[in-house]
Amino acid sequence: MSKHVAVLMGGWSAERNVSLTSGAACAAALREAGYRVTEIDINRDIALVLANLRPDVCFNALHGPAGEDGSIQGLLNIMAIPYTHSGVEASAIAMNKPQAKAVFMRAGLRCPEGYVRRLDDIFERTTLSLPLVVKPLNQGSSVGVQILRRRVNELLADANWSYGEQVLVEKYIPGRELTVGVLEGQPLCVTEITSDRGFYDYGAKYEPGGSVHVLPAPLPDAVTEEALATAARAHDLLGCRGVTRSDFRYDDTGNPHGALYLLEINTQPGMTATSLLPEQAEFCGYDFPELVTRIVENARCDS
């Protein structure tokens, strides 16, 4: 009998819809690859559901808190169900942007200058000049990300802000948006992302025609090599496994050689057939069913 894979998707984070799309795509590809698949839109009774289902492997297609921050990983460790993507520690650190950034900077990787502040204290005690980028501490898919171009705290006036009382404030890096996927420790390629919006926000990522992916990115060879090496290093520093995707800004606006900045690492990258990491995998010779097969066959619990 073929291996039984439970695809965990949905949940209750702000990225629920993204997760449902990723999960459905992965489930279809896994069935095409010959697995027996059960799709689970998780709720807070997920431990009971899994105990009754008893799958061989869980494919983690969740995005955002609970699915991406080490919580579901810890549960699956306790239940001894092998799962895809990174384990508890790597997931928890990667999801906490300031913590991950501290690890990267201690290792000598270039990241934007920044600091953590209370939502009502964004502009206090800072020497950073405008514009500034403000991010929730632990969201993905650019949820809640804002660019402040004047000294007016627009977030305080946002009645829909629900991402915590502390935020990460960073210097805005002009230039180009790049991303690099890593599969089992090996970087795939560099994609450049362009958008008519001028900012790769949630809508640019997921609305039809919101962005254009160019791969391989038209970059100087030295910058391509630096991006590939930095993504692999970030993956390794946090102890990630399976697939990750690291996002960069490449500032080539005032320097002929430019400067590459690591923004963050995603331990649960989008996983539809046209998402950034699967696109890169296909460019490197892995079609989508083969990619999800490799991910499943390398699933495990933390040691």
Protein backbone atom coordinates (compact mmCIF):
# COMPACT_ATOMS: atom_id res chain seq x y z
CA MET A 1 0.00 0.00 0.00
CA SER A 2 1.31 3.48 -0.84
CA LYS A 3 2.46 5.83 1.88
CA HIS A 4 -0.39 7.75 3.51
CA VAL A 5 0.32 11.52 3.58
CA ALA A 6 -1.81 13.95 5.58
CA VAL A 7 -1.57 17.43 4.07
CA LEU A 8 -1.98 20.03 6.83
CA MET A 9 -3.45 23.27 5.50
CA GLY A 10 -5.70 26.21 6.31
CA GLY A 11 -5.74 26.88 10.03
CA TRP A 12 -6.55 30.22 11.60
CA SER A 13 -3.65 32.54 10.75
CA ALA A 14 -3.83 35.62 8.52
CA GLU A 15 -2.33 33.44 5.77
CA ARG A 16 -5.12 30.86 5.85
CA ASN A 17 -6.15 31.36 2.21
CA VAL A 18 -2.55 31.12 1.01
CA SER A 19 -2.17 27.87 2.94
CA LEU A 20 -5.35 26.39 1.49
CA THR A 21 -4.05 27.11 -2.02
CA SER A 22 -0.63 25.62 -1.26
CA GLY A 23 -2.17 22.58 0.40
CA ALA A 24 -4.56 21.81 -2.44
CA ALA A 25 -1.74 22.07 -5.00
CA CYS A 26 0.56 19.82 -2.97
CA ALA A 27 -2.19 17.27 -2.38
CA ALA A 28 -2.92 17.05 -6.10
CA ALA A 29 0.78 16.63 -6.93
CA LEU A 30 1.23 13.97 -4.25
CA ARG A 31 -1.71 11.98 -5.63
CA GLU A 32 -0.20 12.28 -9.10
CA ALA A 33 3.05 10.91 -7.63
CA GLY A 34 1.20 7.87 -6.26
CA TYR A 35 0.66 8.68 -2.60
CA ARG A 36 -2.52 8.14 -0.62
CA VAL A 37 -3.48 11.63 0.50
CA THR A 38 -5.82 13.10 3.10
CA GLU A 39 -6.29 16.87 3.18
CA ILE A 40 -6.84 18.37 6.65
CA ASP A 41 -8.01 21.93 7.22
CA ILE A 42 -6.63 22.05 10.73
CA ASN A 43 -8.46 23.22 13.81
CA ARG A 44 -7.52 23.09 17.48
CA ASP A 45 -8.53 19.43 17.63
CA ILE A 46 -5.74 18.48 15.22
CA ALA A 47 -4.08 16.10 17.72
CA LEU A 48 -7.27 14.02 17.97
CA VAL A 49 -7.77 14.08 14.19
CA LEU A 50 -4.23 12.82 13.58
CA ALA A 51 -4.49 10.19 16.32
CA ASN A 52 -7.56 8.76 14.58
CA LEU A 53 -6.14 9.08 11.07
CA ARG A 54 -2.66 7.72 11.84
CA PRO A 55 -0.88 8.96 8.68
CA ASP A 56 2.64 7.85 7.79
CA VAL A 57 3.76 11.44 7.12
CA CYS A 58 2.38 14.97 7.53
CA PHE A 59 3.05 17.39 4.70
CA ASN A 60 3.08 20.78 6.39
CA ALA A 61 1.45 23.25 3.99
CA LEU A 62 0.54 25.68 6.75
CA HIS A 63 1.62 29.33 6.71
CA GLY A 64 1.84 31.80 9.56
CA PRO A 65 1.65 31.34 13.34
CA ALA A 66 0.87 27.84 14.68
CA GLY A 67 1.92 26.15 11.45
CA GLU A 68 5.19 27.95 10.84
CA ASP A 69 6.45 28.95 14.30
CA GLY A 70 7.30 25.54 15.79
CA SER A 71 3.89 24.83 17.34
CA ILE A 72 2.62 22.14 14.95
CA GLN A 73 6.18 20.82 14.67
CA GLY A 74 6.31 20.27 18.44
CA LEU A 75 2.98 18.44 18.39
CA LEU A 76 4.12 16.16 15.57
CA ASN A 77 7.36 15.44 17.44
CA ILE A 78 5.33 14.35 20.49
CA MET A 79 3.07 12.18 18.32
CA ALA A 80 6.11 10.72 16.50
CA ILE A 81 4.65 11.51 13.07
CA PRO A 82 7.36 12.46 10.55
CA TYR A 83 6.72 15.86 8.96
CA THR A 84 8.08 17.98 6.16
CA HIS A 85 10.02 21.23 6.36
CA SER A 86 11.99 22.52 9.33
CA GLY A 87 11.77 21.42 12.96
CA VAL A 88 10.78 23.28 16.12
CA GLU A 89 13.86 25.39 16.78
CA ALA A 90 14.54 26.47 13.19
CA SER A 91 10.86 27.26 12.61
CA ALA A 92 10.53 29.28 15.82
CA ILE A 93 13.65 31.37 15.17
CA ALA A 94 12.89 31.97 11.49
CA MET A 95 9.35 33.09 12.29
CA ASN A 96 10.63 35.64 14.81
CA LYS A 97 12.17 38.14 12.41
CA PRO A 98 14.34 40.03 14.95
CA GLN A 99 15.77 36.79 16.36
CA ALA A 100 16.59 35.40 12.93
CA LYS A 101 18.14 38.71 11.91
CA ALA A 102 20.34 38.69 15.03
CA VAL A 103 21.60 35.21 14.13
CA PHE A 104 22.37 36.26 10.57
CA MET A 105 24.17 39.45 11.54
CA ARG A 106 26.32 37.67 14.15
CA ALA A 107 27.42 35.35 11.34
CA GLY A 108 28.43 38.30 9.17
CA LEU A 109 25.48 38.35 6.76
CA ARG A 110 24.36 41.81 5.62
CA CYS A 111 20.84 42.76 6.77
CA PRO A 112 19.04 46.13 6.84
CA GLU A 113 19.60 48.27 9.94
CA GLY A 114 16.64 48.14 12.26
CA TYR A 115 15.17 47.86 15.74
CA VAL A 116 12.11 46.60 17.61
CA ARG A 117 9.67 49.20 18.97
CA ARG A 118 6.22 49.42 20.42
CA LEU A 119 3.62 50.29 17.82
CA ASP A 120 3.14 53.76 19.36
CA ASP A 121 6.90 54.42 19.57
CA ILE A 122 8.10 53.78 16.01
CA PHE A 123 9.98 57.05 15.49
CA GLU A 124 11.49 57.43 18.97
CA ARG A 125 15.23 57.06 19.59
CA THR A 126 16.20 56.42 15.99
CA THR A 127 18.81 57.85 13.66
CA LEU A 128 17.40 56.04 10.62
CA SER A 129 16.15 58.33 7.86
CA LEU A 130 12.91 57.93 5.96
CA PRO A 131 11.54 55.89 4.34
CA LEU A 132 11.20 53.11 6.91
CA VAL A 133 9.77 49.62 6.56
CA VAL A 134 7.56 48.43 9.43
CA LYS A 135 6.79 44.72 9.84
CA PRO A 136 4.96 42.52 12.32
CA LEU A 137 7.44 40.39 14.26
CA ASN A 138 6.02 37.03 13.18
CA GLN A 139 3.93 37.14 10.02
CA GLY A 140 4.69 36.03 6.46
CA SER A 141 3.43 36.81 2.94
CA SER A 142 4.09 40.52 3.61
CA VAL A 143 1.05 40.56 5.90
CA GLY A 144 1.00 43.89 7.74
CA VAL A 145 4.17 45.26 6.08
CA GLN A 146 4.10 49.02 5.55
CA ILE A 147 6.51 51.56 4.05
CA LEU A 148 6.43 54.85 5.99
CA ARG A 149 7.58 57.78 3.85
CA ARG A 150 6.74 60.54 6.34
CA ARG A 151 6.86 60.90 10.10
CA VAL A 152 3.22 60.02 10.58
CA ASN A 153 2.45 56.77 12.36
CA GLU A 154 -0.25 55.49 10.02
CA LEU A 155 -0.34 52.10 11.77
CA LEU A 156 -1.84 53.61 14.94
CA ALA A 157 -4.80 54.82 12.89
CA ASP A 158 -5.30 51.40 11.27
CA ALA A 159 -8.29 49.83 13.03
CA ASN A 160 -7.53 46.50 11.32
CA TRP A 161 -4.02 46.19 12.78
CA SER A 162 -4.00 42.92 14.75
CA TYR A 163 -0.37 41.83 14.60
CA GLY A 164 0.84 42.71 18.08
CA GLU A 165 2.02 45.74 20.02
CA GLN A 166 5.65 45.43 18.91
CA VAL A 167 6.97 45.83 15.38
CA LEU A 168 10.25 45.54 13.53
CA VAL A 169 11.34 48.86 12.01
CA GLU A 170 14.01 48.71 9.29
CA LYS A 171 15.80 51.04 6.95
CA TYR A 172 14.22 50.91 3.49
CA ILE A 173 16.60 49.38 0.95
CA PRO A 174 16.07 50.72 -2.59
CA GLY A 175 16.78 48.60 -5.62
CA ARG A 176 15.64 45.15 -6.73
CA GLU A 177 13.68 42.32 -5.08
CA LEU A 178 15.38 38.91 -5.24
CA THR A 179 14.65 35.50 -3.79
CA VAL A 180 16.53 32.19 -3.59
CA GLY A 181 15.06 28.78 -2.83
CA VAL A 182 17.05 26.07 -1.06
CA LEU A 183 16.28 22.36 -1.42
CA GLU A 184 17.93 19.97 1.04
CA GLY A 185 20.69 22.47 1.71
CA GLN A 186 21.42 23.28 -1.95
CA PRO A 187 20.46 26.67 -3.42
CA LEU A 188 18.39 26.49 -6.59
CA CYS A 189 18.64 29.80 -8.47
CA VAL A 190 17.96 33.52 -8.10
CA THR A 191 14.61 35.00 -9.12
CA GLU A 192 14.02 38.72 -9.56
CA ILE A 193 10.51 39.89 -8.72
CA THR A 194 9.07 43.01 -10.32
CA SER A 195 5.72 44.65 -9.69
CA ASP A 196 3.94 47.69 -11.06
CA ARG A 197 2.91 48.41 -7.46
CA GLY A 198 6.48 49.40 -6.61
CA PHE A 199 6.26 47.26 -3.49
CA TYR A 200 6.02 43.47 -3.34
CA ASP A 201 3.10 43.43 -0.90
CA TYR A 202 0.44 40.78 -0.25
CA GLY A 203 -1.59 41.81 -3.30
CA ALA A 204 1.44 41.77 -5.58
CA LYS A 205 2.23 38.25 -4.38
CA TYR A 206 -1.19 36.69 -4.82
CA GLU A 207 -3.40 38.73 -7.13
CA PRO A 208 -3.38 37.80 -10.85
CA GLY A 209 -0.79 39.86 -12.66
CA GLY A 210 0.48 41.36 -9.40
CA SER A 211 4.10 40.52 -10.10
CA VAL A 212 6.50 39.13 -12.70
CA HIS A 213 9.12 36.48 -11.88
CA VAL A 214 12.35 36.60 -13.87
CA LEU A 215 14.64 33.58 -13.52
CA PRO A 216 17.46 33.37 -13.54
CA ALA A 217 17.71 36.99 -12.44
CA PRO A 218 19.83 39.17 -14.78
CA LEU A 219 22.59 40.00 -12.29
CA PRO A 220 26.38 40.26 -12.23
CA ASP A 221 27.86 36.81 -11.65
CA ALA A 222 29.34 37.87 -8.32
CA VAL A 223 25.92 38.99 -7.02
CA THR A 224 24.27 35.76 -8.14
CA GLU A 225 26.94 33.72 -6.35
CA GLU A 226 26.60 35.84 -3.21
CA ALA A 227 22.81 35.42 -3.16
CA LEU A 228 23.05 31.64 -3.62
CA ALA A 229 25.71 31.30 -0.94
CA THR A 230 23.88 33.56 1.51
CA ALA A 231 20.61 31.63 1.14
CA ALA A 232 22.39 28.33 1.76
CA ARG A 233 24.21 29.86 4.75
CA ALA A 234 20.99 31.22 6.27
CA HIS A 235 19.34 27.80 5.86
CA ASP A 236 22.29 26.16 7.58
CA LEU A 237 22.65 28.71 10.39
CA LEU A 238 19.11 28.08 11.63
CA GLY A 239 19.33 24.31 11.16
CA CYS A 240 16.57 24.28 8.55
CA ARG A 241 15.70 21.20 6.53
CA GLY A 242 13.62 20.39 3.48
CA VAL A 243 12.93 23.60 1.57
CA THR A 244 13.35 27.26 2.49
CA ARG A 245 13.28 30.52 0.56
CA SER A 246 15.38 33.56 1.44
CA ASP A 247 14.34 37.04 0.34
CA PHE A 248 16.77 39.83 -0.55
CA ARG A 249 17.01 43.43 -1.66
CA TYR A 250 19.82 44.27 -4.08
CA ASP A 251 20.69 47.97 -3.94
CA ASP A 252 22.34 48.87 -7.23
CA THR A 253 21.10 52.47 -7.20
CA GLY A 254 24.27 54.29 -6.14
CA ASN A 255 27.10 51.82 -6.39
CA PRO A 256 28.36 50.12 -9.57
CA HIS A 257 28.82 46.86 -7.67
CA GLY A 258 25.71 47.21 -5.49
CA ALA A 259 25.01 45.71 -2.07
CA LEU A 260 22.93 42.63 -1.29
CA TYR A 261 20.79 42.58 1.88
CA LEU A 262 19.17 39.49 3.38
CA LEU A 263 15.65 40.36 4.54
CA GLU A 264 14.37 37.06 5.98
CA ILE A 265 14.12 33.32 5.51
CA ASN A 266 10.84 31.46 4.95
CA THR A 267 10.68 27.90 6.29
CA GLN A 268 7.21 27.35 4.74
CA PRO A 269 7.47 28.93 1.27
CA GLY A 270 4.44 29.06 -1.00
CA MET A 271 3.89 25.70 -2.68
CA THR A 272 1.66 25.99 -5.71
CA ALA A 273 3.12 24.88 -9.02
CA THR A 274 3.69 28.54 -9.97
CA SER A 275 5.03 29.72 -6.59
CA LEU A 276 8.56 31.04 -6.45
CA LEU A 277 10.32 27.99 -5.03
CA PRO A 278 8.58 25.40 -7.28
CA GLU A 279 9.35 27.63 -10.27
CA GLN A 280 13.02 27.54 -9.32
CA ALA A 281 12.91 23.78 -8.75
CA GLU A 282 11.42 23.29 -12.22
CA PHE A 283 14.16 25.50 -13.69
CA CYS A 284 16.67 23.13 -12.03
CA GLY A 285 14.95 20.04 -13.45
CA TYR A 286 12.42 19.01 -10.78
CA ASP A 287 8.77 19.06 -11.83
CA PHE A 288 6.18 19.72 -9.13
CA PRO A 289 5.26 16.06 -8.34
CA GLU A 290 8.98 15.23 -8.12
CA LEU A 291 9.58 18.19 -5.83
CA VAL A 292 6.84 17.26 -3.35
CA THR A 293 7.99 13.63 -3.50
CA ARG A 294 11.51 14.65 -2.48
CA ILE A 295 10.10 16.76 0.33
CA VAL A 296 7.92 13.90 1.64
CA GLU A 297 10.68 11.29 1.41
CA ASN A 298 12.93 13.49 3.55
CA ALA A 299 10.26 14.09 6.21
CA ARG A 300 11.23 13.37 9.80
CA CYS A 301 10.77 14.42 13.41
CA ASP A 302 13.40 16.33 15.36
CA SER A 303 16.09 14.03 16.66
